[in-house]
Amino acid sequence: MDPSKIREKIVRFRILIIGRANAGKTTILQKVCNTRDNPEIYNSAGEKIDPAVLTASRERGMHDIENEMVFQNNPGFVFHDSRGFEAGGESEFNKVKTFIADRSKERDIKKRLHVIWYCIPMDEAARSFTEGERKFFSQCDTGSVPVMVLFTKFDAFYDIAFAQLKREGNSRKDAKERAPKLAEESFASGPQLKFLKDVRRPPKNHVCLPDMNKDDASCGLLMERTAETLDNEVLTQLFVSTQQINLELCMKYAVER
């Protein structure tokens, strides 16, 4: 099916992004939409929400997963945000479960959820899964909606690898050059991926995202992995044609069609 006809039918690609505070969610979404601007927020009725009202709600601990975030630089994506389950405990977890269950079976195709990005930051000392994250991957049935784990702030692993290489006698220059590869090799056999393989409801894919706060950072690999994660050819075409930062991905799927 022609991407323009797909977009006419489904309109926008809908993503739920989940993650604890300071997981780097906003930075990633800005990179995905190739902008530095903040998103515009709309309620479930499609009415734009005043940022001051949102700020006041957040200060009172209120958060509505039904709100839609749209970046004007790429309005083809619509995002829903969950702040992670530690912030709201059992109540927040149940809200997310209900949202996923309802949106995965939504009869109106324009409102259906297409993919879930779960952000887990790697810059914290423990670098382990929180109880809320363990609960999600053990208990939350996402139905037909695929889940991808985004290991954000992955450059923290580079720092560990750099320190190890320096201790082993490498020069500063060599240690800096070799650190990313060593970090990725260590992570591949580490406890995080082992946990995700052993859980009851494992994600379909994962991606490591370092240095996303830098101006030249790219979400190209995130786009590629997300496209691979989607089982539905129509949704894959919609996603690939909506994203604007990985032109090679557009060409790849155009050739495969």
C-alpha atoms as a PDB file:
ATOM      1  CA  MET A   1       0.000   0.000   0.000  1.00  0.00           C
ATOM      2  CA  ASP A   2       1.205   3.488  -0.859  1.00  0.00           C
ATOM      3  CA  PRO A   3       2.483   5.351   2.264  1.00  0.00           C
ATOM      4  CA  SER A   4       0.344   8.396   1.462  1.00  0.00           C
ATOM      5  CA  LYS A   5      -2.784   6.208   1.419  1.00  0.00           C
ATOM      6  CA  ILE A   6      -1.710   4.556   4.683  1.00  0.00           C
ATOM      7  CA  ARG A   7      -1.274   7.960   6.315  1.00  0.00           C
ATOM      8  CA  GLU A   8      -4.655   9.056   5.013  1.00  0.00           C
ATOM      9  CA  LYS A   9      -6.254   6.062   6.737  1.00  0.00           C
ATOM     10  CA  ILE A  10      -4.288   5.904  10.020  1.00  0.00           C
ATOM     11  CA  VAL A  11      -3.107   9.563  10.039  1.00  0.00           C
ATOM     12  CA  ARG A  12      -0.360   9.320  12.711  1.00  0.00           C
ATOM     13  CA  PHE A  13       2.012   6.784  14.223  1.00  0.00           C
ATOM     14  CA  ARG A  14       1.290   6.490  17.955  1.00  0.00           C
ATOM     15  CA  ILE A  15       3.992   5.694  20.540  1.00  0.00           C
ATOM     16  CA  LEU A  16       3.817   5.239  24.311  1.00  0.00           C
ATOM     17  CA  ILE A  17       7.102   6.170  25.976  1.00  0.00           C
ATOM     18  CA  ILE A  18       7.635   4.939  29.528  1.00  0.00           C
ATOM     19  CA  GLY A  19      10.461   5.786  31.881  1.00  0.00           C
ATOM     20  CA  ARG A  20      11.440   7.044  35.293  1.00  0.00           C
ATOM     21  CA  ALA A  21      12.408  10.667  35.907  1.00  0.00           C
ATOM     22  CA  ASN A  22      15.624  11.771  34.170  1.00  0.00           C
ATOM     23  CA  ALA A  23      15.590   8.806  31.798  1.00  0.00           C
ATOM     24  CA  GLY A  24      16.141  11.184  28.876  1.00  0.00           C
ATOM     25  CA  LYS A  25      12.716  10.726  27.301  1.00  0.00           C
ATOM     26  CA  THR A  26      12.178  14.306  26.121  1.00  0.00           C
ATOM     27  CA  THR A  27      15.671  14.501  24.614  1.00  0.00           C
ATOM     28  CA  ILE A  28      15.055  11.315  22.630  1.00  0.00           C
ATOM     29  CA  LEU A  29      11.699  12.501  21.311  1.00  0.00           C
ATOM     30  CA  GLN A  30      13.250  15.806  20.250  1.00  0.00           C
ATOM     31  CA  LYS A  31      15.961  13.908  18.368  1.00  0.00           C
ATOM     32  CA  VAL A  32      13.368  11.642  16.744  1.00  0.00           C
ATOM     33  CA  CYS A  33      11.452  14.683  15.522  1.00  0.00           C
ATOM     34  CA  ASN A  34      14.634  16.628  14.699  1.00  0.00           C
ATOM     35  CA  THR A  35      13.814  19.627  16.863  1.00  0.00           C
ATOM     36  CA  ARG A  36      14.862  21.440  20.022  1.00  0.00           C
ATOM     37  CA  ASP A  37      11.366  22.746  20.669  1.00  0.00           C
ATOM     38  CA  ASN A  38       9.102  21.376  23.358  1.00  0.00           C
ATOM     39  CA  PRO A  39       6.026  19.454  22.250  1.00  0.00           C
ATOM     40  CA  GLU A  40       2.511  20.828  22.163  1.00  0.00           C
ATOM     41  CA  ILE A  41       0.179  18.920  24.478  1.00  0.00           C
ATOM     42  CA  TYR A  42      -3.422  18.017  23.667  1.00  0.00           C
ATOM     43  CA  ASN A  43      -6.045  16.341  25.838  1.00  0.00           C
ATOM     44  CA  SER A  44      -8.075  13.331  24.748  1.00  0.00           C
ATOM     45  CA  ALA A  45     -10.654  15.655  23.162  1.00  0.00           C
ATOM     46  CA  GLY A  46      -7.969  17.164  20.930  1.00  0.00           C
ATOM     47  CA  GLU A  47      -7.883  20.481  22.803  1.00  0.00           C
ATOM     48  CA  LYS A  48      -4.499  22.135  23.273  1.00  0.00           C
ATOM     49  CA  ILE A  49      -3.434  22.404  26.920  1.00  0.00           C
ATOM     50  CA  ASP A  50      -1.783  25.526  28.323  1.00  0.00           C
ATOM     51  CA  PRO A  51       1.791  24.677  29.461  1.00  0.00           C
ATOM     52  CA  ALA A  52       1.175  26.584  32.713  1.00  0.00           C
ATOM     53  CA  VAL A  53      -1.752  24.305  33.513  1.00  0.00           C
ATOM     54  CA  LEU A  54       0.423  21.250  32.846  1.00  0.00           C
ATOM     55  CA  THR A  55       3.179  22.541  35.104  1.00  0.00           C
ATOM     56  CA  ALA A  56       0.711  23.150  37.919  1.00  0.00           C
ATOM     57  CA  SER A  57      -0.718  19.650  37.497  1.00  0.00           C
ATOM     58  CA  ARG A  58       2.732  18.068  37.630  1.00  0.00           C
ATOM     59  CA  GLU A  59       3.573  20.006  40.779  1.00  0.00           C
ATOM     60  CA  ARG A  60       0.470  18.493  42.390  1.00  0.00           C
ATOM     61  CA  GLY A  61       1.610  15.029  41.299  1.00  0.00           C
ATOM     62  CA  MET A  62      -1.042  14.744  38.584  1.00  0.00           C
ATOM     63  CA  HIS A  63      -0.301  13.146  35.223  1.00  0.00           C
ATOM     64  CA  ASP A  64      -2.598  12.051  32.397  1.00  0.00           C
ATOM     65  CA  ILE A  65      -1.319   9.316  30.087  1.00  0.00           C
ATOM     66  CA  GLU A  66      -4.171  10.094  27.682  1.00  0.00           C
ATOM     67  CA  ASN A  67      -2.617  13.463  26.810  1.00  0.00           C
ATOM     68  CA  GLU A  68      -0.976  13.580  23.393  1.00  0.00           C
ATOM     69  CA  MET A  69       2.442  15.134  22.752  1.00  0.00           C
ATOM     70  CA  VAL A  70       3.050  16.437  19.243  1.00  0.00           C
ATOM     71  CA  PHE A  71       6.178  18.146  17.899  1.00  0.00           C
ATOM     72  CA  GLN A  72       5.322  20.594  15.152  1.00  0.00           C
ATOM     73  CA  ASN A  73       8.487  19.659  13.252  1.00  0.00           C
ATOM     74  CA  ASN A  74       7.029  16.192  12.692  1.00  0.00           C
ATOM     75  CA  PRO A  75       3.308  15.997  13.539  1.00  0.00           C
ATOM     76  CA  GLY A  76       3.134  12.536  11.997  1.00  0.00           C
ATOM     77  CA  PHE A  77       4.207  11.130  15.374  1.00  0.00           C
ATOM     78  CA  VAL A  78       1.988  11.338  18.437  1.00  0.00           C
ATOM     79  CA  PHE A  79       3.454  10.385  21.811  1.00  0.00           C
ATOM     80  CA  HIS A  80       1.932   9.407  25.132  1.00  0.00           C
ATOM     81  CA  ASP A  81       4.083   9.631  28.247  1.00  0.00           C
ATOM     82  CA  SER A  82       4.167   7.515  31.387  1.00  0.00           C
ATOM     83  CA  ARG A  83       6.432   8.801  34.132  1.00  0.00           C
ATOM     84  CA  GLY A  84       7.384   5.333  35.378  1.00  0.00           C
ATOM     85  CA  PHE A  85       5.778   3.401  38.164  1.00  0.00           C
ATOM     86  CA  GLU A  86       7.778   4.524  41.181  1.00  0.00           C
ATOM     87  CA  ALA A  87       6.149   7.944  40.826  1.00  0.00           C
ATOM     88  CA  GLY A  88       2.601   6.617  41.205  1.00  0.00           C
ATOM     89  CA  GLY A  89       3.085   3.100  42.509  1.00  0.00           C
ATOM     90  CA  GLU A  90       0.238   0.628  41.987  1.00  0.00           C
ATOM     91  CA  SER A  91      -2.116   3.335  40.738  1.00  0.00           C
ATOM     92  CA  GLU A  92       0.211   4.423  37.924  1.00  0.00           C
ATOM     93  CA  PHE A  93       0.919   0.810  36.949  1.00  0.00           C
ATOM     94  CA  ASN A  94      -2.803   0.064  36.662  1.00  0.00           C
ATOM     95  CA  LYS A  95      -3.365   3.213  34.580  1.00  0.00           C
ATOM     96  CA  VAL A  96      -0.667   2.131  32.139  1.00  0.00           C
ATOM     97  CA  LYS A  97      -2.030  -1.407  31.931  1.00  0.00           C
ATOM     98  CA  THR A  98      -5.515  -0.109  31.222  1.00  0.00           C
ATOM     99  CA  PHE A  99      -4.264   2.385  28.648  1.00  0.00           C
ATOM    100  CA  ILE A 100      -2.301  -0.292  26.777  1.00  0.00           C
ATOM    101  CA  ALA A 101      -5.183  -2.781  26.907  1.00  0.00           C
ATOM    102  CA  ASP A 102      -7.681  -0.212  25.624  1.00  0.00           C
ATOM    103  CA  ARG A 103      -5.468   1.312  22.938  1.00  0.00           C
ATOM    104  CA  SER A 104      -4.226  -2.043  21.625  1.00  0.00           C
ATOM    105  CA  LYS A 105      -7.843  -3.041  20.911  1.00  0.00           C
ATOM    106  CA  GLU A 106      -9.140   0.413  19.970  1.00  0.00           C
ATOM    107  CA  ARG A 107     -11.750   0.093  17.219  1.00  0.00           C
ATOM    108  CA  ASP A 108     -10.862   3.485  15.782  1.00  0.00           C
ATOM    109  CA  ILE A 109      -7.594   2.741  13.956  1.00  0.00           C
ATOM    110  CA  LYS A 110      -6.550   6.403  14.276  1.00  0.00           C
ATOM    111  CA  LYS A 111      -6.391   6.069  18.070  1.00  0.00           C
ATOM    112  CA  ARG A 112      -4.696   2.671  18.252  1.00  0.00           C
ATOM    113  CA  LEU A 113      -1.302   2.326  19.954  1.00  0.00           C
ATOM    114  CA  HIS A 114       1.463   1.067  17.666  1.00  0.00           C
ATOM    115  CA  VAL A 115       4.612   0.588  19.746  1.00  0.00           C
ATOM    116  CA  ILE A 116       5.950   1.059  23.289  1.00  0.00           C
ATOM    117  CA  TRP A 117       9.390   2.497  24.042  1.00  0.00           C
ATOM    118  CA  TYR A 118      10.514   1.703  27.581  1.00  0.00           C
ATOM    119  CA  CYS A 119      13.450   3.910  28.633  1.00  0.00           C
ATOM    120  CA  ILE A 120      15.911   2.630  31.219  1.00  0.00           C
ATOM    121  CA  PRO A 121      18.828   4.965  32.078  1.00  0.00           C
ATOM    122  CA  MET A 122      22.254   3.437  32.506  1.00  0.00           C
ATOM    123  CA  ASP A 123      23.871   6.300  34.402  1.00  0.00           C
ATOM    124  CA  GLU A 124      22.618   5.360  37.860  1.00  0.00           C
ATOM    125  CA  ALA A 125      24.936   3.602  40.291  1.00  0.00           C
ATOM    126  CA  ALA A 126      22.935   0.359  40.507  1.00  0.00           C
ATOM    127  CA  ARG A 127      22.261   0.162  36.747  1.00  0.00           C
ATOM    128  CA  SER A 128      19.623  -2.403  37.562  1.00  0.00           C
ATOM    129  CA  PHE A 129      15.899  -2.658  36.998  1.00  0.00           C
ATOM    130  CA  THR A 130      13.591  -1.030  39.512  1.00  0.00           C
ATOM    131  CA  GLU A 131      10.764  -2.960  41.111  1.00  0.00           C
ATOM    132  CA  GLY A 132       8.293  -1.167  38.850  1.00  0.00           C
ATOM    133  CA  GLU A 133      10.227  -2.172  35.725  1.00  0.00           C
ATOM    134  CA  ARG A 134      10.432  -5.762  36.897  1.00  0.00           C
ATOM    135  CA  LYS A 135       6.693  -5.698  37.461  1.00  0.00           C
ATOM    136  CA  PHE A 136       5.996  -4.342  33.982  1.00  0.00           C
ATOM    137  CA  PHE A 137       8.023  -7.042  32.214  1.00  0.00           C
ATOM    138  CA  SER A 138       6.517  -9.747  34.406  1.00  0.00           C
ATOM    139  CA  GLN A 139       2.869  -8.760  34.502  1.00  0.00           C
ATOM    140  CA  CYS A 140       1.921  -6.285  31.781  1.00  0.00           C
ATOM    141  CA  ASP A 141       0.339  -7.956  28.762  1.00  0.00           C
ATOM    142  CA  THR A 142       0.728  -5.530  25.855  1.00  0.00           C
ATOM    143  CA  GLY A 143      -1.208  -7.712  23.443  1.00  0.00           C
ATOM    144  CA  SER A 144      -0.299  -7.002  19.819  1.00  0.00           C
ATOM    145  CA  VAL A 145       1.687  -3.867  20.716  1.00  0.00           C
ATOM    146  CA  PRO A 146       5.448  -4.571  20.620  1.00  0.00           C
ATOM    147  CA  VAL A 147       7.751  -3.281  23.356  1.00  0.00           C
ATOM    148  CA  MET A 148      11.267  -1.978  22.795  1.00  0.00           C
ATOM    149  CA  VAL A 149      13.700  -1.191  25.589  1.00  0.00           C
ATOM    150  CA  LEU A 150      15.777   1.944  25.136  1.00  0.00           C
ATOM    151  CA  PHE A 151      18.902   1.838  27.291  1.00  0.00           C
ATOM    152  CA  THR A 152      19.423   5.589  27.585  1.00  0.00           C
ATOM    153  CA  LYS A 153      22.528   7.450  28.779  1.00  0.00           C
ATOM    154  CA  PHE A 154      24.556   4.433  27.655  1.00  0.00           C
ATOM    155  CA  ASP A 155      27.701   6.576  27.521  1.00  0.00           C
ATOM    156  CA  ALA A 156      27.953   5.931  31.280  1.00  0.00           C
ATOM    157  CA  PHE A 157      29.165   2.443  30.282  1.00  0.00           C
ATOM    158  CA  TYR A 158      31.831   4.056  28.110  1.00  0.00           C
ATOM    159  CA  ASP A 159      33.210   5.777  31.214  1.00  0.00           C
ATOM    160  CA  ILE A 160      33.463   2.450  33.047  1.00  0.00           C
ATOM    161  CA  ALA A 161      35.188   0.797  30.083  1.00  0.00           C
ATOM    162  CA  PHE A 162      37.552   3.769  29.733  1.00  0.00           C
ATOM    163  CA  ALA A 163      38.583   3.482  33.390  1.00  0.00           C
ATOM    164  CA  GLN A 164      39.154  -0.271  32.984  1.00  0.00           C
ATOM    165  CA  LEU A 165      41.331   0.211  29.914  1.00  0.00           C
ATOM    166  CA  LYS A 166      43.368   2.892  31.688  1.00  0.00           C
ATOM    167  CA  ARG A 167      43.962   0.518  34.625  1.00  0.00           C
ATOM    168  CA  GLU A 168      45.193  -2.070  32.133  1.00  0.00           C
ATOM    169  CA  GLY A 169      47.880   0.329  30.928  1.00  0.00           C
ATOM    170  CA  ASN A 170      46.305   1.782  27.793  1.00  0.00           C
ATOM    171  CA  SER A 171      47.056   5.390  26.901  1.00  0.00           C
ATOM    172  CA  ARG A 172      44.266   7.935  27.315  1.00  0.00           C
ATOM    173  CA  LYS A 173      43.835   8.166  23.534  1.00  0.00           C
ATOM    174  CA  ASP A 174      43.671   4.382  23.012  1.00  0.00           C
ATOM    175  CA  ALA A 175      41.363   3.914  25.984  1.00  0.00           C
ATOM    176  CA  LYS A 176      38.972   6.529  24.615  1.00  0.00           C
ATOM    177  CA  GLU A 177      38.924   4.884  21.176  1.00  0.00           C
ATOM    178  CA  ARG A 178      38.427   1.363  22.519  1.00  0.00           C
ATOM    179  CA  ALA A 179      35.955   2.154  25.298  1.00  0.00           C
ATOM    180  CA  PRO A 180      32.706   2.071  23.230  1.00  0.00           C
ATOM    181  CA  LYS A 181      33.424  -1.387  21.795  1.00  0.00           C
ATOM    182  CA  LEU A 182      34.434  -2.801  25.182  1.00  0.00           C
ATOM    183  CA  ALA A 183      31.319  -1.308  26.780  1.00  0.00           C
ATOM    184  CA  GLU A 184      29.061  -2.881  24.163  1.00  0.00           C
ATOM    185  CA  GLU A 185      30.765  -6.271  24.500  1.00  0.00           C
ATOM    186  CA  SER A 186      30.483  -6.196  28.292  1.00  0.00           C
ATOM    187  CA  PHE A 187      26.838  -5.112  28.120  1.00  0.00           C
ATOM    188  CA  ALA A 188      25.972  -7.925  25.687  1.00  0.00           C
ATOM    189  CA  SER A 189      26.846 -10.525  28.320  1.00  0.00           C
ATOM    190  CA  GLY A 190      25.734  -8.462  31.321  1.00  0.00           C
ATOM    191  CA  PRO A 191      22.809  -8.792  33.747  1.00  0.00           C
ATOM    192  CA  GLN A 192      20.465  -6.327  32.010  1.00  0.00           C
ATOM    193  CA  LEU A 193      19.979  -8.356  28.825  1.00  0.00           C
ATOM    194  CA  LYS A 194      19.940 -11.623  30.775  1.00  0.00           C
ATOM    195  CA  PHE A 195      17.076 -10.273  32.863  1.00  0.00           C
ATOM    196  CA  LEU A 196      15.095  -9.274  29.772  1.00  0.00           C
ATOM    197  CA  LYS A 197      15.538 -12.735  28.245  1.00  0.00           C
ATOM    198  CA  ASP A 198      14.317 -14.477  31.387  1.00  0.00           C
ATOM    199  CA  VAL A 199      11.226 -12.384  32.179  1.00  0.00           C
ATOM    200  CA  ARG A 200       7.707 -13.605  31.496  1.00  0.00           C
ATOM    201  CA  ARG A 201       6.934 -10.834  28.999  1.00  0.00           C
ATOM    202  CA  PRO A 202      10.225  -9.914  27.309  1.00  0.00           C
ATOM    203  CA  PRO A 203      10.534  -6.951  24.936  1.00  0.00           C
ATOM    204  CA  LYS A 204      10.810  -7.640  21.226  1.00  0.00           C
ATOM    205  CA  ASN A 205      13.960  -5.599  20.796  1.00  0.00           C
ATOM    206  CA  HIS A 206      16.343  -3.179  22.487  1.00  0.00           C
ATOM    207  CA  VAL A 207      18.720  -0.391  21.549  1.00  0.00           C
ATOM    208  CA  CYS A 208      21.554   1.366  23.384  1.00  0.00           C
ATOM    209  CA  LEU A 209      21.531   5.157  23.089  1.00  0.00           C
ATOM    210  CA  PRO A 210      24.692   7.022  24.184  1.00  0.00           C
ATOM    211  CA  ASP A 211      25.347  10.763  24.205  1.00  0.00           C
ATOM    212  CA  MET A 212      21.854  11.777  23.159  1.00  0.00           C
ATOM    213  CA  ASN A 213      22.408  15.201  24.734  1.00  0.00           C
ATOM    214  CA  LYS A 214      25.049  16.041  22.114  1.00  0.00           C
ATOM    215  CA  ASP A 215      24.123  18.141  19.082  1.00  0.00           C
ATOM    216  CA  ASP A 216      25.327  15.542  16.583  1.00  0.00           C
ATOM    217  CA  ALA A 217      23.606  12.584  18.290  1.00  0.00           C
ATOM    218  CA  SER A 218      21.467  10.423  16.026  1.00  0.00           C
ATOM    219  CA  CYS A 219      18.409   8.263  16.600  1.00  0.00           C
ATOM    220  CA  GLY A 220      19.007   6.413  13.344  1.00  0.00           C
ATOM    221  CA  LEU A 221      19.542   3.069  15.056  1.00  0.00           C
ATOM    222  CA  LEU A 222      16.386   3.559  17.120  1.00  0.00           C
ATOM    223  CA  MET A 223      14.430   4.093  13.905  1.00  0.00           C
ATOM    224  CA  GLU A 224      15.951   0.987  12.346  1.00  0.00           C
ATOM    225  CA  ARG A 225      15.273  -1.241  15.365  1.00  0.00           C
ATOM    226  CA  THR A 226      11.719   0.038  15.727  1.00  0.00           C
ATOM    227  CA  ALA A 227      10.982  -0.754  12.090  1.00  0.00           C
ATOM    228  CA  GLU A 228      12.361  -4.271  12.651  1.00  0.00           C
ATOM    229  CA  THR A 229      10.142  -4.668  15.712  1.00  0.00           C
ATOM    230  CA  LEU A 230       6.871  -4.028  13.878  1.00  0.00           C
ATOM    231  CA  ASP A 231       5.138  -7.157  12.570  1.00  0.00           C
ATOM    232  CA  ASN A 232       2.510  -5.355  10.526  1.00  0.00           C
ATOM    233  CA  GLU A 233       3.749  -4.333   7.064  1.00  0.00           C
ATOM    234  CA  VAL A 234       1.301  -1.431   6.841  1.00  0.00           C
ATOM    235  CA  LEU A 235       2.460  -0.025  10.188  1.00  0.00           C
ATOM    236  CA  THR A 236       6.090  -0.533   9.203  1.00  0.00           C
ATOM    237  CA  GLN A 237       5.550   1.512   6.050  1.00  0.00           C
ATOM    238  CA  LEU A 238       3.756   4.199   8.037  1.00  0.00           C
ATOM    239  CA  PHE A 239       6.555   4.372  10.599  1.00  0.00           C
ATOM    240  CA  VAL A 240       9.345   4.446   8.007  1.00  0.00           C
ATOM    241  CA  SER A 241       7.634   7.155   5.959  1.00  0.00           C
ATOM    242  CA  THR A 242       6.858   9.231   9.074  1.00  0.00           C
ATOM    243  CA  GLN A 243      10.373   9.286  10.486  1.00  0.00           C
ATOM    244  CA  GLN A 244      12.608  11.846   8.799  1.00  0.00           C
ATOM    245  CA  ILE A 245      16.053  11.229  10.293  1.00  0.00           C
ATOM    246  CA  ASN A 246      17.111   7.931   8.705  1.00  0.00           C
ATOM    247  CA  LEU A 247      16.940   8.319   4.927  1.00  0.00           C
ATOM    248  CA  GLU A 248      18.754   5.019   4.395  1.00  0.00           C
ATOM    249  CA  LEU A 249      15.863   3.282   6.165  1.00  0.00           C
ATOM    250  CA  CYS A 250      13.392   4.889   3.755  1.00  0.00           C
ATOM    251  CA  MET A 251      15.451   3.704   0.802  1.00  0.00           C
ATOM    252  CA  LYS A 252      15.824   0.189   2.212  1.00  0.00           C
ATOM    253  CA  TYR A 253      12.084  -0.335   2.656  1.00  0.00           C
ATOM    254  CA  ALA A 254      11.293   1.330  -0.668  1.00  0.00           C
ATOM    255  CA  VAL A 255      13.574  -1.200  -2.419  1.00  0.00           C
ATOM    256  CA  GLU A 256      12.120  -4.139  -0.468  1.00  0.00           C
ATOM    257  CA  ARG A 257       8.621  -3.146  -1.510  1.00  0.00           C
END
